[in-house]
Amino acid sequence: MNDLSVLFLLFLTTLAWGMGFPISKVGIEYIPPFTFAFLRFFITSFLFFIVLRKHKNVTRDLKEHLIGLSIMGLSGITIYNFFYLYSLKLTLASNSVIIASFNPIITTIMASFILKEKINKIMSFGIFVSLLGVMTIISRGSFGSIIHLSFNSGDLFMLVATFLWAIYSIAGKKVINHIGHSKSVALSTILGTIYLIPFVIFENGNKNILTYPTAAWGSVFYMAFVATFFAFSVWYKGVEKFGASKTSIFVNLVPVFGVLASSFMLHERISTVTILGGIMVIVGVIITNRAKT
């Protein structure tokens, strides 16, 4: 596959991720969050299982890295989806996607403590700009609400979700170094799906999933096939082709597509404060990522 083809697929990947926010919001209008997450990742796990059959030493790698893979599964699949999906129930999808784009900053900060990665002055400035952007969105431009701790709970849920994804990313670095991207993502997804089962039983009871409407199942299938299996497969192909730093630039398109999709699909009104905060987040992420290289 030539460079131009991979670049085009990376563009489609960020479009898929951005659209995933409003599409997920449609799904959880009908399906409880844990059940939605389980259905999505059960399908994805089946697809990843087929991929794993082409790899060697899968059982051995699972046993040797079970703790790391479990941390990835719990933080990136099981617990993350509770906060991610409830965020979508409680706030605008456009808010959620912009706050989610703050993740590279949180990952950088956590990596400095856990992995002892250094943060220079330029990176610190980028972190400050992004943080100010997130605070602008969460406070709705009224910083007095920060002092009085008056926030939209959905925005805070998404902020917690970004911390969980940062844990997933950091735990994944060590595992990926040993067994590679494909196995790490596939095995952690399968484990995270298994860990969802008790929550689904508690949440859903005896409700018949076959009664869910077409829109709900369309949301599940989109998130399973397009936003997860296709997107992650293409993403790591991009990492292999261009390297992590160059590929990560495409992530900055996700909030743009997410906000546009939320406005078009859900008719969400995007405020000036949200746009300003989003620009600050993206600019801060770009500054921080460039300072790393």
C-alpha atoms as a PDB file:
ATOM      1  CA  MET A   1       0.000   0.000   0.000  1.00  0.00           C
ATOM      2  CA  ASN A   2       1.526   3.358  -1.039  1.00  0.00           C
ATOM      3  CA  ASP A   3       1.924   6.392   1.235  1.00  0.00           C
ATOM      4  CA  LEU A   4      -1.000   8.330  -0.282  1.00  0.00           C
ATOM      5  CA  SER A   5      -3.399   5.422   0.299  1.00  0.00           C
ATOM      6  CA  VAL A   6      -2.372   5.125   3.952  1.00  0.00           C
ATOM      7  CA  LEU A   7      -2.732   8.893   4.451  1.00  0.00           C
ATOM      8  CA  PHE A   8      -6.239   8.773   2.995  1.00  0.00           C
ATOM      9  CA  LEU A   9      -7.150   5.862   5.297  1.00  0.00           C
ATOM     10  CA  LEU A  10      -5.787   7.781   8.306  1.00  0.00           C
ATOM     11  CA  PHE A  11      -8.015  10.693   7.285  1.00  0.00           C
ATOM     12  CA  LEU A  12     -11.003   8.308   7.189  1.00  0.00           C
ATOM     13  CA  THR A  13      -9.985   6.932  10.595  1.00  0.00           C
ATOM     14  CA  THR A  14     -10.110  10.326  12.280  1.00  0.00           C
ATOM     15  CA  LEU A  15     -13.447  10.973  10.543  1.00  0.00           C
ATOM     16  CA  ALA A  16     -14.733   7.638  11.900  1.00  0.00           C
ATOM     17  CA  TRP A  17     -13.615   8.475  15.444  1.00  0.00           C
ATOM     18  CA  GLY A  18     -15.099  11.957  15.306  1.00  0.00           C
ATOM     19  CA  MET A  19     -18.442  10.670  14.051  1.00  0.00           C
ATOM     20  CA  GLY A  20     -18.372   7.983  16.740  1.00  0.00           C
ATOM     21  CA  PHE A  21     -19.339  10.487  19.448  1.00  0.00           C
ATOM     22  CA  PRO A  22     -22.748  11.538  18.069  1.00  0.00           C
ATOM     23  CA  ILE A  23     -23.407   8.017  16.758  1.00  0.00           C
ATOM     24  CA  SER A  24     -22.720   6.540  20.219  1.00  0.00           C
ATOM     25  CA  LYS A  25     -25.040   9.143  21.733  1.00  0.00           C
ATOM     26  CA  VAL A  26     -27.815   7.883  19.455  1.00  0.00           C
ATOM     27  CA  GLY A  27     -27.189   4.283  20.563  1.00  0.00           C
ATOM     28  CA  ILE A  28     -27.298   4.913  24.297  1.00  0.00           C
ATOM     29  CA  GLU A  29     -30.675   6.564  23.957  1.00  0.00           C
ATOM     30  CA  TYR A  30     -31.980   2.990  23.623  1.00  0.00           C
ATOM     31  CA  ILE A  31     -29.264   0.729  25.079  1.00  0.00           C
ATOM     32  CA  PRO A  32     -27.855   0.964  28.640  1.00  0.00           C
ATOM     33  CA  PRO A  33     -24.180   2.063  28.580  1.00  0.00           C
ATOM     34  CA  PHE A  34     -22.519  -1.150  29.824  1.00  0.00           C
ATOM     35  CA  THR A  35     -24.669  -3.238  27.499  1.00  0.00           C
ATOM     36  CA  PHE A  36     -23.854  -0.947  24.573  1.00  0.00           C
ATOM     37  CA  ALA A  37     -20.131  -1.257  25.336  1.00  0.00           C
ATOM     38  CA  PHE A  38     -20.358  -5.037  25.667  1.00  0.00           C
ATOM     39  CA  LEU A  39     -22.213  -5.504  22.372  1.00  0.00           C
ATOM     40  CA  ARG A  40     -19.733  -3.253  20.588  1.00  0.00           C
ATOM     41  CA  PHE A  41     -16.640  -4.960  21.939  1.00  0.00           C
ATOM     42  CA  PHE A  42     -18.059  -8.476  21.758  1.00  0.00           C
ATOM     43  CA  ILE A  43     -18.296  -8.033  17.992  1.00  0.00           C
ATOM     44  CA  THR A  44     -14.855  -6.421  17.869  1.00  0.00           C
ATOM     45  CA  SER A  45     -13.348  -9.168  20.043  1.00  0.00           C
ATOM     46  CA  PHE A  46     -14.620 -11.802  17.621  1.00  0.00           C
ATOM     47  CA  LEU A  47     -12.920  -9.954  14.747  1.00  0.00           C
ATOM     48  CA  PHE A  48      -9.702  -9.543  16.729  1.00  0.00           C
ATOM     49  CA  PHE A  49      -9.798 -13.244  17.637  1.00  0.00           C
ATOM     50  CA  ILE A  50      -9.736 -14.100  13.926  1.00  0.00           C
ATOM     51  CA  VAL A  51      -6.727 -11.790  13.492  1.00  0.00           C
ATOM     52  CA  LEU A  52      -4.931 -13.375  16.472  1.00  0.00           C
ATOM     53  CA  ARG A  53      -5.079 -16.794  14.812  1.00  0.00           C
ATOM     54  CA  LYS A  54      -2.450 -15.524  12.358  1.00  0.00           C
ATOM     55  CA  HIS A  55      -0.017 -14.721  15.171  1.00  0.00           C
ATOM     56  CA  LYS A  56       2.321 -17.050  17.045  1.00  0.00           C
ATOM     57  CA  ASN A  57       2.764 -17.481  20.809  1.00  0.00           C
ATOM     58  CA  VAL A  58      -0.520 -15.723  21.641  1.00  0.00           C
ATOM     59  CA  THR A  59      -1.254 -17.939  24.672  1.00  0.00           C
ATOM     60  CA  ARG A  60       2.278 -17.509  26.003  1.00  0.00           C
ATOM     61  CA  ASP A  61       2.146 -13.719  25.580  1.00  0.00           C
ATOM     62  CA  LEU A  62      -1.247 -13.583  27.292  1.00  0.00           C
ATOM     63  CA  LYS A  63       0.090 -15.474  30.323  1.00  0.00           C
ATOM     64  CA  GLU A  64       3.315 -13.466  30.557  1.00  0.00           C
ATOM     65  CA  HIS A  65       1.623 -10.071  30.213  1.00  0.00           C
ATOM     66  CA  LEU A  66      -1.748 -10.805  31.795  1.00  0.00           C
ATOM     67  CA  ILE A  67      -1.470  -8.022  34.390  1.00  0.00           C
ATOM     68  CA  GLY A  68      -0.470  -5.362  31.850  1.00  0.00           C
ATOM     69  CA  LEU A  69      -3.114  -6.491  29.377  1.00  0.00           C
ATOM     70  CA  SER A  70      -5.731  -6.544  32.148  1.00  0.00           C
ATOM     71  CA  ILE A  71      -4.842  -2.980  33.133  1.00  0.00           C
ATOM     72  CA  MET A  72      -5.246  -1.997  29.480  1.00  0.00           C
ATOM     73  CA  GLY A  73      -8.565  -3.838  29.229  1.00  0.00           C
ATOM     74  CA  LEU A  74      -9.984  -2.368  32.425  1.00  0.00           C
ATOM     75  CA  SER A  75      -8.806   1.203  31.836  1.00  0.00           C
ATOM     76  CA  GLY A  76      -9.361   1.381  28.069  1.00  0.00           C
ATOM     77  CA  ILE A  77     -12.482  -0.770  27.668  1.00  0.00           C
ATOM     78  CA  THR A  78     -14.369  -1.652  30.860  1.00  0.00           C
ATOM     79  CA  ILE A  79     -14.153   1.422  33.104  1.00  0.00           C
ATOM     80  CA  TYR A  80     -13.421   3.916  30.327  1.00  0.00           C
ATOM     81  CA  ASN A  81     -16.689   3.140  28.566  1.00  0.00           C
ATOM     82  CA  PHE A  82     -18.720   3.750  31.721  1.00  0.00           C
ATOM     83  CA  PHE A  83     -17.455   7.340  31.910  1.00  0.00           C
ATOM     84  CA  TYR A  84     -17.367   7.866  28.133  1.00  0.00           C
ATOM     85  CA  LEU A  85     -20.945   6.707  27.518  1.00  0.00           C
ATOM     86  CA  TYR A  86     -22.450   8.363  30.594  1.00  0.00           C
ATOM     87  CA  SER A  87     -20.692  11.553  29.522  1.00  0.00           C
ATOM     88  CA  LEU A  88     -22.599  11.363  26.244  1.00  0.00           C
ATOM     89  CA  LYS A  89     -25.866  10.892  28.147  1.00  0.00           C
ATOM     90  CA  LEU A  90     -25.236  13.951  30.312  1.00  0.00           C
ATOM     91  CA  THR A  91     -23.611  16.513  28.012  1.00  0.00           C
ATOM     92  CA  LEU A  92     -23.316  17.498  24.364  1.00  0.00           C
ATOM     93  CA  ALA A  93     -21.436  15.094  22.105  1.00  0.00           C
ATOM     94  CA  SER A  94     -19.436  18.083  20.824  1.00  0.00           C
ATOM     95  CA  ASN A  95     -18.271  18.856  24.375  1.00  0.00           C
ATOM     96  CA  SER A  96     -17.256  15.246  24.930  1.00  0.00           C
ATOM     97  CA  VAL A  97     -15.193  15.008  21.749  1.00  0.00           C
ATOM     98  CA  ILE A  98     -13.301  18.234  22.477  1.00  0.00           C
ATOM     99  CA  ILE A  99     -12.533  17.239  26.066  1.00  0.00           C
ATOM    100  CA  ALA A 100     -11.422  13.813  24.800  1.00  0.00           C
ATOM    101  CA  SER A 101      -8.890  15.545  22.540  1.00  0.00           C
ATOM    102  CA  PHE A 102      -7.157  16.694  25.747  1.00  0.00           C
ATOM    103  CA  ASN A 103      -5.974  13.098  26.214  1.00  0.00           C
ATOM    104  CA  PRO A 104      -2.460  13.526  24.716  1.00  0.00           C
ATOM    105  CA  ILE A 105      -1.776  16.227  27.303  1.00  0.00           C
ATOM    106  CA  ILE A 106      -2.891  14.048  30.216  1.00  0.00           C
ATOM    107  CA  THR A 107      -0.845  11.154  28.826  1.00  0.00           C
ATOM    108  CA  THR A 108       2.225  13.407  28.631  1.00  0.00           C
ATOM    109  CA  ILE A 109       1.780  14.560  32.233  1.00  0.00           C
ATOM    110  CA  MET A 110       1.217  11.036  33.574  1.00  0.00           C
ATOM    111  CA  ALA A 111       4.151   9.672  31.559  1.00  0.00           C
ATOM    112  CA  SER A 112       6.404  12.267  33.191  1.00  0.00           C
ATOM    113  CA  PHE A 113       5.558  10.814  36.608  1.00  0.00           C
ATOM    114  CA  ILE A 114       5.255   7.117  35.773  1.00  0.00           C
ATOM    115  CA  LEU A 115       7.761   6.685  32.926  1.00  0.00           C
ATOM    116  CA  LYS A 116      10.002   9.618  33.979  1.00  0.00           C
ATOM    117  CA  GLU A 117       9.637  11.261  30.558  1.00  0.00           C
ATOM    118  CA  LYS A 118      10.846  14.865  30.638  1.00  0.00           C
ATOM    119  CA  ILE A 119       8.598  17.885  30.035  1.00  0.00           C
ATOM    120  CA  ASN A 120      10.406  20.957  28.681  1.00  0.00           C
ATOM    121  CA  LYS A 121       9.306  24.599  28.808  1.00  0.00           C
ATOM    122  CA  ILE A 122       7.602  24.557  25.401  1.00  0.00           C
ATOM    123  CA  MET A 123       5.671  21.418  26.328  1.00  0.00           C
ATOM    124  CA  SER A 124       4.663  23.053  29.614  1.00  0.00           C
ATOM    125  CA  PHE A 125       3.284  26.038  27.677  1.00  0.00           C
ATOM    126  CA  GLY A 126       1.321  23.706  25.379  1.00  0.00           C
ATOM    127  CA  ILE A 127      -0.069  21.855  28.406  1.00  0.00           C
ATOM    128  CA  PHE A 128      -1.150  25.168  29.966  1.00  0.00           C
ATOM    129  CA  VAL A 129      -2.911  26.312  26.773  1.00  0.00           C
ATOM    130  CA  SER A 130      -4.783  22.991  26.423  1.00  0.00           C
ATOM    131  CA  LEU A 131      -5.732  22.935  30.103  1.00  0.00           C
ATOM    132  CA  LEU A 132      -7.072  26.471  29.832  1.00  0.00           C
ATOM    133  CA  GLY A 133      -9.122  25.351  26.834  1.00  0.00           C
ATOM    134  CA  VAL A 134     -10.652  22.424  28.748  1.00  0.00           C
ATOM    135  CA  MET A 135     -11.441  24.689  31.715  1.00  0.00           C
ATOM    136  CA  THR A 136     -13.107  27.142  29.316  1.00  0.00           C
ATOM    137  CA  ILE A 137     -15.388  24.397  27.978  1.00  0.00           C
ATOM    138  CA  ILE A 138     -16.189  22.850  31.366  1.00  0.00           C
ATOM    139  CA  SER A 139     -16.894  26.233  32.991  1.00  0.00           C
ATOM    140  CA  ARG A 140     -18.879  27.424  29.932  1.00  0.00           C
ATOM    141  CA  GLY A 141     -16.600  30.465  29.918  1.00  0.00           C
ATOM    142  CA  SER A 142     -17.553  31.416  33.483  1.00  0.00           C
ATOM    143  CA  PHE A 143     -14.467  30.725  35.573  1.00  0.00           C
ATOM    144  CA  GLY A 144     -16.410  31.601  38.709  1.00  0.00           C
ATOM    145  CA  SER A 145     -18.029  28.165  38.375  1.00  0.00           C
ATOM    146  CA  ILE A 146     -14.598  26.605  38.989  1.00  0.00           C
ATOM    147  CA  ILE A 147     -14.348  28.352  42.344  1.00  0.00           C
ATOM    148  CA  HIS A 148     -17.861  27.226  43.288  1.00  0.00           C
ATOM    149  CA  LEU A 149     -17.319  23.719  41.814  1.00  0.00           C
ATOM    150  CA  SER A 150     -20.368  24.126  39.582  1.00  0.00           C
ATOM    151  CA  PHE A 151     -19.839  21.928  36.517  1.00  0.00           C
ATOM    152  CA  ASN A 152     -21.796  19.797  34.076  1.00  0.00           C
ATOM    153  CA  SER A 153     -21.291  16.239  35.360  1.00  0.00           C
ATOM    154  CA  GLY A 154     -21.119  14.922  31.782  1.00  0.00           C
ATOM    155  CA  ASP A 155     -18.084  17.109  31.041  1.00  0.00           C
ATOM    156  CA  LEU A 156     -16.385  15.866  34.215  1.00  0.00           C
ATOM    157  CA  PHE A 157     -17.163  12.242  33.275  1.00  0.00           C
ATOM    158  CA  MET A 158     -15.383  12.765  29.946  1.00  0.00           C
ATOM    159  CA  LEU A 159     -12.411  14.299  31.745  1.00  0.00           C
ATOM    160  CA  VAL A 160     -12.166  11.184  33.942  1.00  0.00           C
ATOM    161  CA  ALA A 161     -12.416   9.054  30.781  1.00  0.00           C
ATOM    162  CA  THR A 162      -9.391  10.852  29.312  1.00  0.00           C
ATOM    163  CA  PHE A 163      -7.389   9.974  32.443  1.00  0.00           C
ATOM    164  CA  LEU A 164      -8.390   6.336  32.040  1.00  0.00           C
ATOM    165  CA  TRP A 165      -7.333   6.358  28.380  1.00  0.00           C
ATOM    166  CA  ALA A 166      -3.991   7.834  29.440  1.00  0.00           C
ATOM    167  CA  ILE A 167      -3.537   4.885  31.821  1.00  0.00           C
ATOM    168  CA  TYR A 168      -4.390   2.553  28.929  1.00  0.00           C
ATOM    169  CA  SER A 169      -1.807   4.274  26.716  1.00  0.00           C
ATOM    170  CA  ILE A 170       0.965   4.172  29.322  1.00  0.00           C
ATOM    171  CA  ALA A 171       0.294   0.561  30.326  1.00  0.00           C
ATOM    172  CA  GLY A 172       0.141  -0.276  26.632  1.00  0.00           C
ATOM    173  CA  LYS A 173       3.621   1.130  25.929  1.00  0.00           C
ATOM    174  CA  LYS A 174       5.350  -1.547  27.985  1.00  0.00           C
ATOM    175  CA  VAL A 175       3.197  -4.386  26.659  1.00  0.00           C
ATOM    176  CA  ILE A 176       3.458  -3.201  23.042  1.00  0.00           C
ATOM    177  CA  ASN A 177       7.257  -3.126  23.305  1.00  0.00           C
ATOM    178  CA  HIS A 178       7.183  -6.851  24.091  1.00  0.00           C
ATOM    179  CA  ILE A 179       4.407  -8.297  21.936  1.00  0.00           C
ATOM    180  CA  GLY A 180       3.560  -5.596  19.368  1.00  0.00           C
ATOM    181  CA  HIS A 181       0.536  -3.390  18.605  1.00  0.00           C
ATOM    182  CA  SER A 182      -1.778  -5.990  17.070  1.00  0.00           C
ATOM    183  CA  LYS A 183      -1.610  -8.508  19.906  1.00  0.00           C
ATOM    184  CA  SER A 184      -1.754  -5.842  22.610  1.00  0.00           C
ATOM    185  CA  VAL A 185      -4.894  -4.169  21.253  1.00  0.00           C
ATOM    186  CA  ALA A 186      -6.621  -7.470  20.423  1.00  0.00           C
ATOM    187  CA  LEU A 187      -5.897  -9.224  23.736  1.00  0.00           C
ATOM    188  CA  SER A 188      -6.670  -6.173  25.906  1.00  0.00           C
ATOM    189  CA  THR A 189      -9.959  -5.673  24.032  1.00  0.00           C
ATOM    190  CA  ILE A 190     -10.971  -9.304  24.585  1.00  0.00           C
ATOM    191  CA  LEU A 191     -10.087  -9.103  28.300  1.00  0.00           C
ATOM    192  CA  GLY A 192     -11.889  -5.766  28.701  1.00  0.00           C
ATOM    193  CA  THR A 193     -14.982  -7.268  27.098  1.00  0.00           C
ATOM    194  CA  ILE A 194     -14.911 -10.224  29.500  1.00  0.00           C
ATOM    195  CA  TYR A 195     -14.589  -7.828  32.461  1.00  0.00           C
ATOM    196  CA  LEU A 196     -17.744  -6.029  31.234  1.00  0.00           C
ATOM    197  CA  ILE A 197     -19.944  -9.122  31.708  1.00  0.00           C
ATOM    198  CA  PRO A 198     -20.794  -8.734  35.444  1.00  0.00           C
ATOM    199  CA  PHE A 199     -21.670  -5.065  34.915  1.00  0.00           C
ATOM    200  CA  VAL A 200     -23.943  -5.962  32.003  1.00  0.00           C
ATOM    201  CA  ILE A 201     -25.749  -8.611  34.073  1.00  0.00           C
ATOM    202  CA  PHE A 202     -26.284  -6.130  36.895  1.00  0.00           C
ATOM    203  CA  GLU A 203     -27.384  -3.332  34.568  1.00  0.00           C
ATOM    204  CA  ASN A 204     -29.565  -5.024  32.002  1.00  0.00           C
ATOM    205  CA  GLY A 205     -31.353  -7.799  33.877  1.00  0.00           C
ATOM    206  CA  ASN A 206     -33.638  -9.829  31.610  1.00  0.00           C
ATOM    207  CA  LYS A 207     -34.202  -7.216  28.903  1.00  0.00           C
ATOM    208  CA  ASN A 208     -34.348  -8.761  25.429  1.00  0.00           C
ATOM    209  CA  ILE A 209     -31.637  -7.147  23.285  1.00  0.00           C
ATOM    210  CA  LEU A 210     -33.557  -8.135  20.155  1.00  0.00           C
ATOM    211  CA  THR A 211     -36.088  -5.415  20.991  1.00  0.00           C
ATOM    212  CA  TYR A 212     -33.564  -2.649  20.383  1.00  0.00           C
ATOM    213  CA  PRO A 213     -34.515  -0.504  17.356  1.00  0.00           C
ATOM    214  CA  THR A 214     -32.567  -0.371  14.093  1.00  0.00           C
ATOM    215  CA  ALA A 215     -30.930   2.959  15.003  1.00  0.00           C
ATOM    216  CA  ALA A 216     -29.503   1.431  18.181  1.00  0.00           C
ATOM    217  CA  TRP A 217     -28.066  -1.612  16.380  1.00  0.00           C
ATOM    218  CA  GLY A 218     -26.718   0.647  13.635  1.00  0.00           C
ATOM    219  CA  SER A 219     -24.867   2.591  16.314  1.00  0.00           C
ATOM    220  CA  VAL A 220     -23.421  -0.618  17.810  1.00  0.00           C
ATOM    221  CA  PHE A 221     -22.309  -1.994  14.432  1.00  0.00           C
ATOM    222  CA  TYR A 222     -20.755   1.322  13.399  1.00  0.00           C
ATOM    223  CA  MET A 223     -18.742   1.551  16.625  1.00  0.00           C
ATOM    224  CA  ALA A 224     -17.681  -2.115  16.403  1.00  0.00           C
ATOM    225  CA  PHE A 225     -16.755  -2.415  12.732  1.00  0.00           C
ATOM    226  CA  VAL A 226     -15.828   1.134  11.713  1.00  0.00           C
ATOM    227  CA  ALA A 227     -14.747   3.122  14.789  1.00  0.00           C
ATOM    228  CA  THR A 228     -12.932   0.216  16.446  1.00  0.00           C
ATOM    229  CA  PHE A 229     -11.824  -2.652  14.201  1.00  0.00           C
ATOM    230  CA  PHE A 230     -11.254  -0.677  10.991  1.00  0.00           C
ATOM    231  CA  ALA A 231      -9.953   2.462  12.704  1.00  0.00           C
ATOM    232  CA  PHE A 232      -7.438   0.740  14.984  1.00  0.00           C
ATOM    233  CA  SER A 233      -6.224  -1.536  12.195  1.00  0.00           C
ATOM    234  CA  VAL A 234      -5.564   1.456   9.932  1.00  0.00           C
ATOM    235  CA  TRP A 235      -4.096   3.540  12.750  1.00  0.00           C
ATOM    236  CA  TYR A 236      -1.364   1.044  13.560  1.00  0.00           C
ATOM    237  CA  LYS A 237      -0.659   0.574   9.865  1.00  0.00           C
ATOM    238  CA  GLY A 238      -0.045   4.326   9.813  1.00  0.00           C
ATOM    239  CA  VAL A 239       2.241   4.066  12.846  1.00  0.00           C
ATOM    240  CA  GLU A 240       4.257   1.350  11.109  1.00  0.00           C
ATOM    241  CA  LYS A 241       4.430   3.389   7.877  1.00  0.00           C
ATOM    242  CA  PHE A 242       5.141   6.902   9.184  1.00  0.00           C
ATOM    243  CA  GLY A 243       5.997   6.515  12.881  1.00  0.00           C
ATOM    244  CA  ALA A 244       3.975   7.464  15.970  1.00  0.00           C
ATOM    245  CA  SER A 245       4.827  11.198  15.960  1.00  0.00           C
ATOM    246  CA  LYS A 246       3.739  11.922  12.375  1.00  0.00           C
ATOM    247  CA  THR A 247       0.657   9.711  12.639  1.00  0.00           C
ATOM    248  CA  SER A 248      -0.461  11.397  15.881  1.00  0.00           C
ATOM    249  CA  ILE A 249      -0.910  14.683  13.987  1.00  0.00           C
ATOM    250  CA  PHE A 250      -4.109  13.231  12.495  1.00  0.00           C
ATOM    251  CA  VAL A 251      -5.658  12.986  15.986  1.00  0.00           C
ATOM    252  CA  ASN A 252      -6.153  16.750  15.891  1.00  0.00           C
ATOM    253  CA  LEU A 253      -8.799  16.244  13.209  1.00  0.00           C
ATOM    254  CA  VAL A 254     -11.007  14.133  15.518  1.00  0.00           C
ATOM    255  CA  PRO A 255     -12.550  17.034  17.502  1.00  0.00           C
ATOM    256  CA  VAL A 256     -13.114  18.976  14.273  1.00  0.00           C
ATOM    257  CA  PHE A 257     -15.017  16.090  12.686  1.00  0.00           C
ATOM    258  CA  GLY A 258     -16.744  15.326  15.993  1.00  0.00           C
ATOM    259  CA  VAL A 259     -18.087  18.842  16.450  1.00  0.00           C
ATOM    260  CA  LEU A 260     -19.233  19.077  12.817  1.00  0.00           C
ATOM    261  CA  ALA A 261     -20.903  15.648  12.989  1.00  0.00           C
ATOM    262  CA  SER A 262     -22.628  16.512  16.287  1.00  0.00           C
ATOM    263  CA  SER A 263     -23.972  19.723  14.793  1.00  0.00           C
ATOM    264  CA  PHE A 264     -25.168  18.006  11.611  1.00  0.00           C
ATOM    265  CA  MET A 265     -26.527  14.742  13.080  1.00  0.00           C
ATOM    266  CA  LEU A 266     -27.834  15.879  16.469  1.00  0.00           C
ATOM    267  CA  HIS A 267     -28.477  19.557  15.633  1.00  0.00           C
ATOM    268  CA  GLU A 268     -26.341  20.596  18.586  1.00  0.00           C
ATOM    269  CA  ARG A 269     -25.741  24.320  18.875  1.00  0.00           C
ATOM    270  CA  ILE A 270     -22.004  24.896  19.105  1.00  0.00           C
ATOM    271  CA  SER A 271     -21.345  27.979  21.252  1.00  0.00           C
ATOM    272  CA  THR A 272     -18.540  30.491  20.731  1.00  0.00           C
ATOM    273  CA  VAL A 273     -17.088  29.434  24.085  1.00  0.00           C
ATOM    274  CA  THR A 274     -16.938  25.801  22.949  1.00  0.00           C
ATOM    275  CA  ILE A 275     -15.214  26.752  19.691  1.00  0.00           C
ATOM    276  CA  LEU A 276     -12.695  28.959  21.540  1.00  0.00           C
ATOM    277  CA  GLY A 277     -11.977  26.246  24.095  1.00  0.00           C
ATOM    278  CA  GLY A 278     -11.624  23.644  21.355  1.00  0.00           C
ATOM    279  CA  ILE A 279      -9.114  25.753  19.441  1.00  0.00           C
ATOM    280  CA  MET A 280      -7.063  26.219  22.618  1.00  0.00           C
ATOM    281  CA  VAL A 281      -7.065  22.477  23.308  1.00  0.00           C
ATOM    282  CA  ILE A 282      -5.957  21.599  19.772  1.00  0.00           C
ATOM    283  CA  VAL A 283      -3.273  24.323  19.652  1.00  0.00           C
ATOM    284  CA  GLY A 284      -1.928  23.170  23.018  1.00  0.00           C
ATOM    285  CA  VAL A 285      -1.772  19.554  21.850  1.00  0.00           C
ATOM    286  CA  ILE A 286       0.058  20.552  18.647  1.00  0.00           C
ATOM    287  CA  ILE A 287       2.598  22.639  20.605  1.00  0.00           C
ATOM    288  CA  THR A 288       3.206  19.810  23.098  1.00  0.00           C
ATOM    289  CA  ASN A 289       3.560  17.102  20.445  1.00  0.00           C
ATOM    290  CA  ARG A 290       5.946  19.172  18.319  1.00  0.00           C
ATOM    291  CA  ALA A 291       8.077  19.919  21.363  1.00  0.00           C
ATOM    292  CA  LYS A 292       8.488  16.193  21.938  1.00  0.00           C
ATOM    293  CA  THR A 293      10.161  15.622  18.571  1.00  0.00           C
END
